[in-house]
C-alpha cells in the first residue's frame, strides 16, 4: 500500500541497485510512495534477484 511520506532510499548490498520509495517502480506495478517493507514478500532486486532483506537504508 503506497504512503505519501515514504521517501527512504534503499540499496541492494549485492549489486548497488537503489530502490527509491518516493519513485517506486511503476514499470513493475509498484506505485510511487510504496515503502520497501510494503513490497510483496517475494519481491526481489530487479537487477540481481536478491530478496528485499538484502537492502539497506541509505538516507
PDB file of N, CA and C in Angstrom:
ATOM      1  N   UNK A   1       0.848  -1.184   0.000  1.00  0.00           N
ATOM      2  CA  UNK A   1       0.000   0.000   0.000  1.00  0.00           C
ATOM      3  C   UNK A   1       0.888   1.240   0.000  1.00  0.00           C
ATOM      4  N   UNK A   2       0.700   2.173  -0.939  1.00  0.00           N
ATOM      5  CA  UNK A   2       1.528   3.371  -1.009  1.00  0.00           C
ATOM      6  C   UNK A   2       1.255   4.347   0.128  1.00  0.00           C
ATOM      7  N   UNK A   3       2.295   5.022   0.555  1.00  0.00           N
ATOM      8  CA  UNK A   3       2.190   6.054   1.584  1.00  0.00           C
ATOM      9  C   UNK A   3       2.852   7.311   1.053  1.00  0.00           C
ATOM     10  N   UNK A   4       2.188   8.452   1.202  1.00  0.00           N
ATOM     11  CA  UNK A   4       2.696   9.703   0.657  1.00  0.00           C
ATOM     12  C   UNK A   4       4.025  10.108   1.281  1.00  0.00           C
ATOM     13  N   UNK A   5       4.298   9.697   2.532  1.00  0.00           N
ATOM     14  CA  UNK A   5       5.521  10.115   3.200  1.00  0.00           C
ATOM     15  C   UNK A   5       6.647   9.093   3.095  1.00  0.00           C
ATOM     16  N   UNK A   6       6.489   8.079   2.279  1.00  0.00           N
ATOM     17  CA  UNK A   6       7.547   7.083   2.095  1.00  0.00           C
ATOM     18  C   UNK A   6       8.612   7.696   1.190  1.00  0.00           C
ATOM     19  N   UNK A   7       9.725   8.095   1.765  1.00  0.00           N
ATOM     20  CA  UNK A   7      10.749   8.787   0.985  1.00  0.00           C
ATOM     21  C   UNK A   7      12.142   8.211   1.189  1.00  0.00           C
ATOM     22  N   UNK A   8      12.268   7.082   1.823  1.00  0.00           N
ATOM     23  CA  UNK A   8      13.581   6.487   2.037  1.00  0.00           C
ATOM     24  C   UNK A   8      14.091   5.854   0.753  1.00  0.00           C
ATOM     25  N   UNK A   9      15.402   5.750   0.676  1.00  0.00           N
ATOM     26  CA  UNK A   9      16.047   5.017  -0.406  1.00  0.00           C
ATOM     27  C   UNK A   9      16.770   3.830   0.201  1.00  0.00           C
ATOM     28  N   UNK A  10      16.818   2.739  -0.545  1.00  0.00           N
ATOM     29  CA  UNK A  10      17.423   1.503  -0.055  1.00  0.00           C
ATOM     30  C   UNK A  10      18.324   0.949  -1.144  1.00  0.00           C
ATOM     31  N   UNK A  11      19.513   0.500  -0.740  1.00  0.00           N
ATOM     32  CA  UNK A  11      20.487  -0.029  -1.687  1.00  0.00           C
ATOM     33  C   UNK A  11      20.639  -1.533  -1.518  1.00  0.00           C
ATOM     34  N   UNK A  12      20.629  -2.237  -2.640  1.00  0.00           N
ATOM     35  CA  UNK A  12      20.901  -3.671  -2.634  1.00  0.00           C
ATOM     36  C   UNK A  12      22.375  -3.862  -2.282  1.00  0.00           C
ATOM     37  N   UNK A  13      22.638  -4.644  -1.254  1.00  0.00           N
ATOM     38  CA  UNK A  13      24.011  -4.854  -0.814  1.00  0.00           C
ATOM     39  C   UNK A  13      24.807  -5.744  -1.763  1.00  0.00           C
ATOM     40  N   UNK A  14      24.133  -6.410  -2.676  1.00  0.00           N
ATOM     41  CA  UNK A  14      24.825  -7.276  -3.631  1.00  0.00           C
ATOM     42  C   UNK A  14      25.267  -6.514  -4.876  1.00  0.00           C
ATOM     43  N   UNK A  15      24.354  -5.715  -5.451  1.00  0.00           N
ATOM     44  CA  UNK A  15      24.674  -5.084  -6.739  1.00  0.00           C
ATOM     45  C   UNK A  15      24.644  -3.559  -6.722  1.00  0.00           C
ATOM     46  N   UNK A  16      24.138  -2.954  -5.643  1.00  0.00           N
ATOM     47  CA  UNK A  16      24.103  -1.499  -5.559  1.00  0.00           C
ATOM     48  C   UNK A  16      22.853  -0.849  -6.129  1.00  0.00           C
ATOM     49  N   UNK A  17      21.887  -1.641  -6.612  1.00  0.00           N
ATOM     50  CA  UNK A  17      20.625  -1.076  -7.111  1.00  0.00           C
ATOM     51  C   UNK A  17      19.972  -0.257  -6.002  1.00  0.00           C
ATOM     52  N   UNK A  18      19.447   0.908  -6.342  1.00  0.00           N
ATOM     53  CA  UNK A  18      18.760   1.765  -5.374  1.00  0.00           C
ATOM     54  C   UNK A  18      17.258   1.679  -5.604  1.00  0.00           C
ATOM     55  N   UNK A  19      16.526   1.298  -4.553  1.00  0.00           N
ATOM     56  CA  UNK A  19      15.067   1.371  -4.581  1.00  0.00           C
ATOM     57  C   UNK A  19      14.680   2.644  -3.845  1.00  0.00           C
ATOM     58  N   UNK A  20      14.074   3.578  -4.558  1.00  0.00           N
ATOM     59  CA  UNK A  20      13.637   4.854  -4.001  1.00  0.00           C
ATOM     60  C   UNK A  20      12.136   4.783  -3.762  1.00  0.00           C
ATOM     61  N   UNK A  21      11.742   4.834  -2.492  1.00  0.00           N
ATOM     62  CA  UNK A  21      10.323   4.719  -2.146  1.00  0.00           C
ATOM     63  C   UNK A  21       9.495   5.825  -2.783  1.00  0.00           C
ATOM     64  N   UNK A  22      10.040   7.026  -2.900  1.00  0.00           N
ATOM     65  CA  UNK A  22       9.288   8.145  -3.474  1.00  0.00           C
ATOM     66  C   UNK A  22       8.958   7.899  -4.945  1.00  0.00           C
ATOM     67  N   UNK A  23       9.834   7.194  -5.645  1.00  0.00           N
ATOM     68  CA  UNK A  23       9.660   6.921  -7.072  1.00  0.00           C
ATOM     69  C   UNK A  23       8.915   5.621  -7.321  1.00  0.00           C
ATOM     70  N   UNK A  24       9.154   4.610  -6.466  1.00  0.00           N
ATOM     71  CA  UNK A  24       8.583   3.284  -6.698  1.00  0.00           C
ATOM     72  C   UNK A  24       9.203   2.662  -7.938  1.00  0.00           C
ATOM     73  N   UNK A  25       8.529   1.692  -8.502  1.00  0.00           N
ATOM     74  CA  UNK A  25       8.961   1.056  -9.755  1.00  0.00           C
ATOM     75  C   UNK A  25       7.720   0.862 -10.622  1.00  0.00           C
ATOM     76  N   UNK A  26       7.219   1.958 -11.218  1.00  0.00           N
ATOM     77  CA  UNK A  26       5.981   1.872 -11.988  1.00  0.00           C
ATOM     78  C   UNK A  26       5.998   0.799 -13.072  1.00  0.00           C
ATOM     79  N   UNK A  27       7.146   0.531 -13.667  1.00  0.00           N
ATOM     80  CA  UNK A  27       7.246  -0.499 -14.690  1.00  0.00           C
ATOM     81  C   UNK A  27       6.983  -1.900 -14.159  1.00  0.00           C
ATOM     82  N   UNK A  28       7.111  -2.066 -12.837  1.00  0.00           N
ATOM     83  CA  UNK A  28       6.827  -3.346 -12.184  1.00  0.00           C
ATOM     84  C   UNK A  28       5.505  -3.298 -11.417  1.00  0.00           C
ATOM     85  N   UNK A  29       4.753  -2.208 -11.608  1.00  0.00           N
ATOM     86  CA  UNK A  29       3.473  -2.080 -10.921  1.00  0.00           C
ATOM     87  C   UNK A  29       3.590  -1.629  -9.479  1.00  0.00           C
ATOM     88  N   UNK A  30       4.740  -1.055  -9.104  1.00  0.00           N
ATOM     89  CA  UNK A  30       4.952  -0.572  -7.738  1.00  0.00           C
ATOM     90  C   UNK A  30       4.815   0.944  -7.759  1.00  0.00           C
ATOM     91  N   UNK A  31       3.752   1.430  -7.144  1.00  0.00           N
ATOM     92  CA  UNK A  31       3.409   2.849  -7.186  1.00  0.00           C
ATOM     93  C   UNK A  31       4.408   3.702  -6.410  1.00  0.00           C
ATOM     94  N   UNK A  32       4.602   4.956  -6.854  1.00  0.00           N
ATOM     95  CA  UNK A  32       5.400   5.887  -6.062  1.00  0.00           C
ATOM     96  C   UNK A  32       4.833   5.978  -4.647  1.00  0.00           C
ATOM     97  N   UNK A  33       5.720   6.080  -3.668  1.00  0.00           N
ATOM     98  CA  UNK A  33       5.302   6.164  -2.275  1.00  0.00           C
ATOM     99  C   UNK A  33       5.192   4.816  -1.587  1.00  0.00           C
ATOM    100  N   UNK A  34       5.558   3.725  -2.273  1.00  0.00           N
ATOM    101  CA  UNK A  34       5.482   2.396  -1.675  1.00  0.00           C
ATOM    102  C   UNK A  34       6.753   2.112  -0.881  1.00  0.00           C
ATOM    103  N   UNK A  35       6.594   1.889   0.411  1.00  0.00           N
ATOM    104  CA  UNK A  35       7.730   1.584   1.281  1.00  0.00           C
ATOM    105  C   UNK A  35       8.311   0.214   0.935  1.00  0.00           C
ATOM    106  N   UNK A  36       9.602   0.054   1.146  1.00  0.00           N
ATOM    107  CA  UNK A  36      10.246  -1.240   0.905  1.00  0.00           C
ATOM    108  C   UNK A  36       9.543  -2.336   1.693  1.00  0.00           C
ATOM    109  N   UNK A  37       9.178  -2.042   2.916  1.00  0.00           N
ATOM    110  CA  UNK A  37       8.524  -3.047   3.770  1.00  0.00           C
ATOM    111  C   UNK A  37       7.134  -3.428   3.271  1.00  0.00           C
ATOM    112  N   UNK A  38       6.561  -2.621   2.379  1.00  0.00           N
ATOM    113  CA  UNK A  38       5.238  -2.917   1.829  1.00  0.00           C
ATOM    114  C   UNK A  38       5.300  -3.647   0.486  1.00  0.00           C
ATOM    115  N   UNK A  39       6.505  -3.888  -0.022  1.00  0.00           N
ATOM    116  CA  UNK A  39       6.632  -4.661  -1.254  1.00  0.00           C
ATOM    117  C   UNK A  39       6.248  -6.105  -0.968  1.00  0.00           C
ATOM    118  N   UNK A  40       5.801  -6.837  -1.977  1.00  0.00           N
ATOM    119  CA  UNK A  40       5.452  -8.246  -1.758  1.00  0.00           C
ATOM    120  C   UNK A  40       6.630  -9.015  -1.147  1.00  0.00           C
ATOM    121  N   UNK A  41       6.325  -9.969  -0.306  1.00  0.00           N
ATOM    122  CA  UNK A  41       7.354 -10.755   0.381  1.00  0.00           C
ATOM    123  C   UNK A  41       8.302 -11.413  -0.621  1.00  0.00           C
ATOM    124  N   UNK A  42       7.783 -11.777  -1.782  1.00  0.00           N
ATOM    125  CA  UNK A  42       8.615 -12.459  -2.773  1.00  0.00           C
ATOM    126  C   UNK A  42       9.278 -11.501  -3.773  1.00  0.00           C
ATOM    127  N   UNK A  43       9.188 -10.185  -3.518  1.00  0.00           N
ATOM    128  CA  UNK A  43       9.834  -9.211  -4.393  1.00  0.00           C
ATOM    129  C   UNK A  43      11.348  -9.385  -4.310  1.00  0.00           C
ATOM    130  N   UNK A  44      12.017  -9.256  -5.455  1.00  0.00           N
ATOM    131  CA  UNK A  44      13.475  -9.358  -5.493  1.00  0.00           C
ATOM    132  C   UNK A  44      14.056  -8.172  -6.250  1.00  0.00           C
ATOM    133  N   UNK A  45      15.316  -7.912  -6.016  1.00  0.00           N
ATOM    134  CA  UNK A  45      16.027  -6.848  -6.722  1.00  0.00           C
ATOM    135  C   UNK A  45      15.890  -7.075  -8.229  1.00  0.00           C
ATOM    136  N   UNK A  46      15.453  -6.054  -8.966  1.00  0.00           N
ATOM    137  CA  UNK A  46      15.276  -6.238 -10.406  1.00  0.00           C
ATOM    138  C   UNK A  46      16.591  -6.414 -11.166  1.00  0.00           C
ATOM    139  N   UNK A  47      17.708  -6.044 -10.557  1.00  0.00           N
ATOM    140  CA  UNK A  47      18.996  -6.175 -11.242  1.00  0.00           C
ATOM    141  C   UNK A  47      19.703  -7.498 -10.968  1.00  0.00           C
ATOM    142  N   UNK A  48      19.611  -8.014  -9.719  1.00  0.00           N
ATOM    143  CA  UNK A  48      20.392  -9.212  -9.396  1.00  0.00           C
ATOM    144  C   UNK A  48      19.585 -10.349  -8.773  1.00  0.00           C
ATOM    145  N   UNK A  49      18.307 -10.106  -8.455  1.00  0.00           N
ATOM    146  CA  UNK A  49      17.453 -11.177  -7.952  1.00  0.00           C
ATOM    147  C   UNK A  49      17.549 -11.457  -6.462  1.00  0.00           C
ATOM    148  N   UNK A  50      18.260 -10.612  -5.717  1.00  0.00           N
ATOM    149  CA  UNK A  50      18.358 -10.816  -4.269  1.00  0.00           C
ATOM    150  C   UNK A  50      17.046 -10.400  -3.596  1.00  0.00           C
ATOM    151  N   UNK A  51      16.691 -11.031  -2.466  1.00  0.00           N
ATOM    152  CA  UNK A  51      15.445 -10.692  -1.772  1.00  0.00           C
ATOM    153  C   UNK A  51      15.512  -9.309  -1.129  1.00  0.00           C
ATOM    154  N   UNK A  52      14.347  -8.788  -0.782  1.00  0.00           N
ATOM    155  CA  UNK A  52      14.283  -7.418  -0.244  1.00  0.00           C
ATOM    156  C   UNK A  52      15.035  -7.257   1.071  1.00  0.00           C
ATOM    157  N   UNK A  53      15.281  -8.345   1.810  1.00  0.00           N
ATOM    158  CA  UNK A  53      16.053  -8.206   3.051  1.00  0.00           C
ATOM    159  C   UNK A  53      17.548  -8.032   2.781  1.00  0.00           C
ATOM    160  N   UNK A  54      17.934  -7.995   1.505  1.00  0.00           N
ATOM    161  CA  UNK A  54      19.319  -7.714   1.119  1.00  0.00           C
ATOM    162  C   UNK A  54      19.537  -6.216   0.891  1.00  0.00           C
ATOM    163  N   UNK A  55      18.540  -5.396   1.238  1.00  0.00           N
ATOM    164  CA  UNK A  55      18.626  -3.955   1.045  1.00  0.00           C
ATOM    165  C   UNK A  55      18.900  -3.250   2.369  1.00  0.00           C
ATOM    166  N   UNK A  56      19.663  -2.154   2.280  1.00  0.00           N
ATOM    167  CA  UNK A  56      19.993  -1.335   3.442  1.00  0.00           C
ATOM    168  C   UNK A  56      19.557   0.103   3.156  1.00  0.00           C
ATOM    169  N   UNK A  57      18.996   0.766   4.156  1.00  0.00           N
ATOM    170  CA  UNK A  57      18.578   2.159   4.005  1.00  0.00           C
ATOM    171  C   UNK A  57      19.806   3.039   3.809  1.00  0.00           C
ATOM    172  N   UNK A  58      19.735   3.948   2.846  1.00  0.00           N
ATOM    173  CA  UNK A  58      20.880   4.803   2.527  1.00  0.00           C
ATOM    174  C   UNK A  58      20.593   6.293   2.687  1.00  0.00           C
ATOM    175  N   UNK A  59      19.514   6.656   3.338  1.00  0.00           N
ATOM    176  CA  UNK A  59      19.186   8.081   3.516  1.00  0.00           C
ATOM    177  C   UNK A  59      20.181   8.776   4.398  1.00  0.00           C
TER     178      UNK A  59
END
